[in-house]
Amino acid sequence: MSRTLEPGLSLLTAAEIRVVVVPIGPMPRDTFDAYLGAFNAHRHVPLHATCCLHAGGPKSPFPHLAVKCGAMHFRFMQADDARRRSRITDLHAHRQVVGVLGLLHCPLLEDLTAAHTEFGRAARQWPEALVSRCCGFEPSPAHLATPGLQKMPDLMLLPAQHLAEHLEVYMTEFAADVLAAIEHVVLNASVATVKLNTYADSGDFLGSSLAQLEEGLRKLNVNEEELKEKRRWGRLQKAKGDWALLAGSPRDGFEHYKSAMELSRAAGDAVWYGAAVEGLAHARVLEALIAARPAAAAAARPAAAAAAAAAARPALASAAAAK
């Protein structure tokens, strides 16, 4: 069990989207901590708030997306923690870094273009990330007049005034981008790319007794290729279930996990079967949390989000105009 445990586990762990937060350029530690705390205040983004930015569409792989009461959950990590990569991301998608967020403290920043280039280099440390964005705080008129700013679409400059409202809008846009990226991953997932030789298949992870059991199950099956094909399909369904939880759709995750359990059991894929059972339990818990959310609170959030968007829009528009 200790091979799959890590610090900070909670009921939401399987649904938390890991985002690496990287300071770019000069920034005092207390300033970075303050910015990180400000983002953490908006780590839960209601799905209904993303609707105007991400419509999904008929090709969405999540027909049961909990738009009315569901949410996307983010786990902001510092770079040192994110560099200690888990070796079982193939087994649990939530252990993968999904986003990279660069932070700029503009009052100490002379060259915005150079800082943006530095962010690009930093983001390449996590090639598995689906979305990379850069956020600059307290820009001066000189920063807003930087030549070529329009060629940096992943950079957003936020004024110091009404920062909480700006970040609420920013995180809503970020969540919509992440949701679109996750949908793209699931829609394009192929059984041909599923690995059968991951760390979770190794003796180091399985231990000698389970490894021997796996080998015995393989020998009992007369058709090795059919066995491998069932394992690939089972693992694909497990991965889709994981991505569904990250997207805020535990009902879709539940259906994928059920299929993964059946396929993995038939293929004798013990570890992935156990992981699918675990995923099924997570999906049930998340569904219960969504069902328990007060309807009145869910109904009140659209008005709050609209008010926040209206408050932030003038400053964001001026920044966009400067680009």
Protein backbone atom coordinates (compact mmCIF):
# COMPACT_ATOMS: atom_id res chain seq x y z
CA MET A 1 0.00 0.00 0.00
CA SER A 2 2.83 2.41 0.82
CA ARG A 3 3.96 2.25 -2.80
CA THR A 4 0.87 4.22 -3.86
CA LEU A 5 0.46 6.58 -0.89
CA GLU A 6 1.75 10.14 -0.76
CA PRO A 7 1.36 13.15 1.55
CA GLY A 8 -1.71 15.36 1.36
CA LEU A 9 -4.32 12.72 0.48
CA SER A 10 -7.97 13.78 0.71
CA LEU A 11 -11.37 12.83 -0.67
CA LEU A 12 -10.64 15.08 -3.65
CA THR A 13 -7.15 13.76 -4.45
CA ALA A 14 -8.22 11.66 -7.45
CA ALA A 15 -9.97 14.71 -8.93
CA GLU A 16 -7.22 17.27 -8.28
CA ILE A 17 -5.46 18.73 -11.32
CA ARG A 18 -1.79 19.22 -10.61
CA VAL A 19 -0.43 22.61 -11.65
CA VAL A 20 3.21 23.57 -11.15
CA VAL A 21 3.65 27.20 -10.06
CA VAL A 22 7.03 28.65 -11.07
CA PRO A 23 8.37 32.10 -10.11
CA ILE A 24 9.96 33.81 -13.11
CA GLY A 25 12.50 36.58 -12.64
CA PRO A 26 13.23 38.38 -9.36
CA MET A 27 10.57 37.83 -6.72
CA PRO A 28 10.81 37.96 -2.90
CA ARG A 29 9.77 34.78 -1.19
CA ASP A 30 6.95 36.41 0.74
CA THR A 31 5.59 37.88 -2.51
CA PHE A 32 5.60 34.47 -4.17
CA ASP A 33 3.86 32.96 -1.14
CA ALA A 34 1.22 35.70 -1.30
CA TYR A 35 0.57 35.05 -5.00
CA LEU A 36 0.41 31.30 -4.38
CA GLY A 37 -2.05 31.84 -1.56
CA ALA A 38 -4.19 34.02 -3.83
CA PHE A 39 -4.37 31.23 -6.42
CA ASN A 40 -5.15 28.65 -3.75
CA ALA A 41 -8.18 30.72 -2.80
CA HIS A 42 -9.57 29.91 -6.26
CA ARG A 43 -8.48 26.28 -6.56
CA HIS A 44 -12.10 25.07 -6.85
CA VAL A 45 -13.71 26.33 -10.06
CA PRO A 46 -17.46 25.70 -10.59
CA LEU A 47 -18.08 24.05 -13.93
CA HIS A 48 -21.04 26.32 -14.70
CA ALA A 49 -18.66 29.29 -14.65
CA THR A 50 -16.70 27.80 -17.57
CA CYS A 51 -19.76 27.36 -19.80
CA CYS A 52 -19.43 30.70 -21.58
CA LEU A 53 -15.77 29.92 -22.32
CA HIS A 54 -16.06 26.23 -23.11
CA ALA A 55 -19.26 24.91 -24.66
CA GLY A 56 -18.10 21.30 -24.97
CA GLY A 57 -20.25 20.30 -27.93
CA PRO A 58 -21.69 17.09 -29.35
CA LYS A 59 -18.26 15.45 -29.46
CA SER A 60 -17.57 15.90 -25.77
CA PRO A 61 -16.38 12.62 -24.21
CA PHE A 62 -18.19 13.55 -20.98
CA PRO A 63 -21.95 13.40 -21.63
CA HIS A 64 -22.66 13.38 -17.88
CA LEU A 65 -20.49 16.38 -16.99
CA ALA A 66 -21.85 17.83 -13.73
CA VAL A 67 -22.19 21.37 -15.07
CA LYS A 68 -24.82 22.61 -12.61
CA CYS A 69 -23.22 21.56 -9.33
CA GLY A 70 -19.81 20.11 -10.22
CA ALA A 71 -16.40 21.72 -10.07
CA MET A 72 -12.82 21.32 -11.24
CA HIS A 73 -10.28 21.08 -8.45
CA PHE A 74 -6.69 22.30 -8.72
CA ARG A 75 -3.66 21.40 -6.67
CA PHE A 76 -0.95 24.04 -6.99
CA MET A 77 2.54 22.63 -6.50
CA GLN A 78 5.91 24.29 -6.19
CA ALA A 79 8.58 23.30 -8.69
CA ASP A 80 10.72 21.27 -6.26
CA ASP A 81 7.74 19.07 -5.37
CA ALA A 82 6.70 18.66 -9.00
CA ARG A 83 10.20 17.60 -10.05
CA ARG A 84 9.87 14.56 -7.81
CA ARG A 85 7.76 12.81 -10.42
CA SER A 86 5.65 9.83 -9.51
CA ARG A 87 6.61 6.61 -11.29
CA ILE A 88 3.01 5.45 -11.49
CA THR A 89 1.39 8.20 -13.56
CA ASP A 90 0.34 5.47 -16.01
CA LEU A 91 -1.65 3.90 -13.19
CA HIS A 92 -3.13 7.14 -11.82
CA ALA A 93 -3.59 10.12 -14.16
CA HIS A 94 -4.06 12.52 -11.23
CA ARG A 95 -0.37 12.08 -10.37
CA GLN A 96 0.63 13.69 -13.68
CA VAL A 97 1.42 17.39 -13.99
CA VAL A 98 -1.38 18.81 -16.14
CA GLY A 99 -0.58 22.52 -16.06
CA VAL A 100 2.34 24.91 -15.64
CA LEU A 101 1.77 28.43 -14.32
CA GLY A 102 4.53 31.03 -14.39
CA LEU A 103 4.32 34.04 -12.06
CA LEU A 104 5.96 37.41 -12.77
CA HIS A 105 6.35 40.24 -10.26
CA CYS A 106 6.43 43.14 -12.69
CA PRO A 107 7.66 45.88 -10.27
CA LEU A 108 11.04 44.09 -10.18
CA LEU A 109 10.99 43.07 -13.84
CA GLU A 110 12.77 45.16 -16.45
CA ASP A 111 12.39 43.02 -19.58
CA LEU A 112 8.99 41.39 -20.02
CA THR A 113 9.98 39.67 -23.26
CA ALA A 114 13.03 38.05 -21.66
CA ALA A 115 10.92 36.90 -18.72
CA HIS A 116 8.40 35.32 -21.08
CA THR A 117 11.22 33.48 -22.84
CA GLU A 118 12.50 32.26 -19.48
CA PHE A 119 9.02 30.97 -18.68
CA GLY A 120 9.02 28.96 -21.90
CA ARG A 121 12.28 27.29 -20.88
CA ALA A 122 10.96 26.57 -17.40
CA ALA A 123 7.72 25.05 -18.72
CA ARG A 124 9.66 22.60 -20.87
CA GLN A 125 10.73 20.81 -17.69
CA TRP A 126 7.23 19.29 -17.70
CA PRO A 127 6.58 18.21 -21.31
CA GLU A 128 3.61 16.13 -20.12
CA ALA A 129 1.69 19.28 -19.13
CA LEU A 130 -1.38 19.97 -21.27
CA VAL A 131 -1.67 23.72 -20.55
CA SER A 132 1.02 26.34 -19.84
CA ARG A 133 0.20 29.91 -18.89
CA CYS A 134 2.09 32.93 -17.55
CA CYS A 135 0.65 35.59 -15.26
CA GLY A 136 2.26 38.98 -14.56
CA PHE A 137 1.21 41.05 -11.57
CA GLU A 138 1.22 44.84 -11.12
CA PRO A 139 2.44 45.78 -14.62
CA SER A 140 3.53 49.35 -15.30
CA PRO A 141 2.55 51.33 -18.42
CA ALA A 142 5.96 50.41 -19.82
CA HIS A 143 5.19 46.71 -19.44
CA LEU A 144 1.82 47.17 -21.15
CA ALA A 145 3.58 48.91 -24.03
CA THR A 146 6.11 46.09 -24.55
CA PRO A 147 6.65 45.55 -28.31
CA GLY A 148 5.35 42.20 -29.51
CA LEU A 149 3.06 41.67 -26.51
CA GLN A 150 0.35 40.42 -28.85
CA LYS A 151 2.66 37.53 -29.78
CA MET A 152 2.51 36.22 -26.23
CA PRO A 153 -1.05 34.85 -26.02
CA ASP A 154 -0.21 32.72 -22.99
CA LEU A 155 0.72 35.82 -20.96
CA MET A 156 -1.85 37.77 -18.95
CA LEU A 157 -1.01 40.95 -17.04
CA LEU A 158 -3.13 41.67 -13.96
CA PRO A 159 -3.28 44.98 -12.07
CA ALA A 160 -2.99 45.13 -8.29
CA GLN A 161 -6.49 46.56 -7.84
CA HIS A 162 -9.28 44.03 -7.24
CA LEU A 163 -6.81 41.17 -7.55
CA ALA A 164 -9.17 38.57 -6.09
CA GLU A 165 -11.79 39.33 -8.73
CA HIS A 166 -9.21 39.24 -11.52
CA LEU A 167 -7.90 35.89 -10.34
CA GLU A 168 -11.40 34.43 -10.17
CA VAL A 169 -11.89 35.30 -13.84
CA TYR A 170 -8.37 34.15 -14.72
CA MET A 171 -8.87 30.78 -13.03
CA THR A 172 -12.22 30.33 -14.78
CA GLU A 173 -10.48 30.84 -18.14
CA PHE A 174 -7.63 28.56 -17.07
CA ALA A 175 -10.10 25.83 -16.04
CA ALA A 176 -11.91 26.10 -19.38
CA ASP A 177 -8.60 25.66 -21.22
CA VAL A 178 -7.69 22.65 -19.08
CA LEU A 179 -11.12 21.09 -19.63
CA ALA A 180 -10.76 21.49 -23.39
CA ALA A 181 -7.28 19.92 -23.24
CA ILE A 182 -8.56 16.96 -21.20
CA GLU A 183 -11.40 16.42 -23.65
CA HIS A 184 -8.88 16.40 -26.50
CA VAL A 185 -6.80 13.78 -24.70
CA VAL A 186 -9.79 11.48 -24.14
CA LEU A 187 -11.20 11.92 -27.65
CA ASN A 188 -7.84 11.03 -29.18
CA ALA A 189 -6.90 8.25 -26.76
CA SER A 190 -6.01 5.05 -28.59
CA VAL A 191 -5.49 1.51 -27.41
CA ALA A 192 -2.40 1.38 -29.64
CA THR A 193 -0.58 3.80 -27.32
CA VAL A 194 -1.37 1.96 -24.07
CA LYS A 195 1.77 0.65 -22.35
CA LEU A 196 2.08 -2.84 -20.90
CA ASN A 197 5.58 -2.43 -19.49
CA THR A 198 5.15 0.38 -16.96
CA TYR A 199 6.78 0.66 -13.55
CA ALA A 200 3.55 -0.73 -12.06
CA ASP A 201 4.21 -3.93 -14.07
CA SER A 202 7.72 -4.35 -12.68
CA GLY A 203 8.82 -6.64 -9.90
CA ASP A 204 9.99 -3.60 -7.93
CA PHE A 205 6.40 -2.42 -7.69
CA LEU A 206 4.55 -5.74 -7.61
CA GLY A 207 6.80 -7.61 -5.22
CA SER A 208 7.83 -11.20 -5.85
CA SER A 209 4.56 -12.91 -4.86
CA LEU A 210 2.27 -10.76 -7.00
CA ALA A 211 4.73 -10.88 -9.88
CA GLN A 212 4.66 -14.68 -9.75
CA LEU A 213 0.86 -14.62 -9.69
CA GLU A 214 0.78 -12.36 -12.74
CA GLU A 215 3.17 -14.67 -14.57
CA GLY A 216 1.03 -17.69 -13.66
CA LEU A 217 -2.10 -16.02 -14.98
CA ARG A 218 -0.35 -15.27 -18.25
CA LYS A 219 0.71 -18.91 -18.65
CA LEU A 220 -2.85 -20.14 -18.04
CA ASN A 221 -4.11 -18.10 -20.96
CA VAL A 222 -3.48 -19.86 -24.26
CA ASN A 223 -3.78 -16.74 -26.40
CA GLU A 224 -1.11 -14.26 -25.35
CA GLU A 225 -2.07 -11.63 -27.93
CA GLU A 226 -5.72 -11.71 -26.91
CA LEU A 227 -4.64 -11.29 -23.30
CA LYS A 228 -2.51 -8.27 -24.17
CA GLU A 229 -5.35 -6.73 -26.16
CA LYS A 230 -7.76 -7.07 -23.24
CA ARG A 231 -5.19 -5.51 -20.93
CA ARG A 232 -4.74 -2.56 -23.25
CA TRP A 233 -8.48 -1.96 -23.47
CA GLY A 234 -8.87 -2.28 -19.72
CA ARG A 235 -6.06 0.18 -19.07
CA LEU A 236 -7.49 2.59 -21.63
CA GLN A 237 -10.85 2.55 -19.88
CA LYS A 238 -9.13 3.10 -16.53
CA ALA A 239 -7.26 6.12 -17.92
CA LYS A 240 -10.47 7.58 -19.34
CA GLY A 241 -12.07 7.18 -15.94
CA ASP A 242 -9.19 9.08 -14.35
CA TRP A 243 -9.49 11.94 -16.85
CA ALA A 244 -13.25 12.07 -16.29
CA LEU A 245 -12.70 12.67 -12.56
CA LEU A 246 -10.23 15.45 -13.33
CA ALA A 247 -12.75 17.02 -15.70
CA GLY A 248 -15.38 17.06 -12.96
CA SER A 249 -17.50 14.20 -14.33
CA PRO A 250 -17.59 11.36 -11.78
CA ARG A 251 -20.60 9.73 -13.48
CA ASP A 252 -18.61 9.26 -16.70
CA GLY A 253 -15.66 8.10 -14.61
CA PHE A 254 -17.88 5.50 -12.93
CA GLU A 255 -18.88 4.01 -16.30
CA HIS A 256 -15.28 3.83 -17.52
CA TYR A 257 -14.10 2.23 -14.28
CA LYS A 258 -16.82 -0.44 -14.52
CA SER A 259 -15.62 -1.35 -18.02
CA ALA A 260 -12.00 -1.30 -16.83
CA MET A 261 -12.82 -3.69 -13.99
CA GLU A 262 -14.47 -6.21 -16.32
CA LEU A 263 -11.66 -6.12 -18.88
CA SER A 264 -8.87 -6.19 -16.30
CA ARG A 265 -10.46 -9.11 -14.45
CA ALA A 266 -10.79 -11.08 -17.69
CA ALA A 267 -7.16 -10.34 -18.58
CA GLY A 268 -5.79 -11.12 -15.11
CA ASP A 269 -4.44 -7.56 -14.89
CA ALA A 270 -4.52 -7.49 -11.09
CA VAL A 271 -2.95 -4.08 -10.42
CA TRP A 272 -5.12 -2.24 -12.92
CA TYR A 273 -8.19 -4.09 -11.68
CA GLY A 274 -7.43 -2.89 -8.15
CA ALA A 275 -6.82 0.64 -9.42
CA ALA A 276 -10.16 0.58 -11.27
CA VAL A 277 -11.95 -0.52 -8.09
CA GLU A 278 -10.26 2.35 -6.26
CA GLY A 279 -11.34 4.74 -9.03
CA LEU A 280 -14.90 3.47 -8.81
CA ALA A 281 -14.92 4.28 -5.10
CA HIS A 282 -13.56 7.78 -5.77
CA ALA A 283 -16.27 8.35 -8.39
CA ARG A 284 -18.98 7.30 -5.92
CA VAL A 285 -17.63 9.64 -3.24
CA LEU A 286 -17.37 12.57 -5.65
CA GLU A 287 -20.91 11.96 -6.88
CA ALA A 288 -22.13 11.99 -3.29
CA LEU A 289 -20.32 15.26 -2.62
CA ILE A 290 -21.93 16.84 -5.68
CA ALA A 291 -25.38 15.58 -4.66
CA ALA A 292 -24.91 16.96 -1.14
CA ARG A 293 -24.06 20.43 -2.34
CA PRO A 294 -26.92 22.80 -1.47
CA ALA A 295 -28.92 23.75 -4.55
CA ALA A 296 -29.25 27.31 -3.30
CA ALA A 297 -25.49 27.75 -3.14
CA ALA A 298 -25.10 26.30 -6.61
CA ALA A 299 -27.74 28.68 -7.95
CA ALA A 300 -26.11 31.68 -6.29
CA ARG A 301 -22.70 31.14 -7.85
CA PRO A 302 -23.59 32.25 -11.43
CA ALA A 303 -24.57 35.70 -10.16
CA ALA A 304 -21.38 35.96 -8.12
CA ALA A 305 -19.27 34.85 -11.07
CA ALA A 306 -21.00 37.34 -13.37
CA ALA A 307 -20.38 40.16 -10.88
CA ALA A 308 -16.71 39.21 -10.58
CA ALA A 309 -16.35 39.05 -14.34
CA ALA A 310 -17.95 42.47 -14.72
CA ALA A 311 -15.64 43.96 -12.10
CA ALA A 312 -12.53 42.50 -13.71
CA ARG A 313 -13.46 43.11 -17.34
CA PRO A 314 -12.35 46.79 -17.62
CA ALA A 315 -8.82 46.12 -16.40
CA LEU A 316 -8.51 42.96 -18.48
CA ALA A 317 -9.78 44.79 -21.52
CA SER A 318 -7.23 47.56 -21.08
CA ALA A 319 -4.46 45.01 -20.79
CA ALA A 320 -5.72 43.24 -23.92
CA ALA A 321 -5.94 46.56 -25.77
CA ALA A 322 -2.34 47.28 -24.87
CA LYS A 323 -1.36 44.04 -26.57
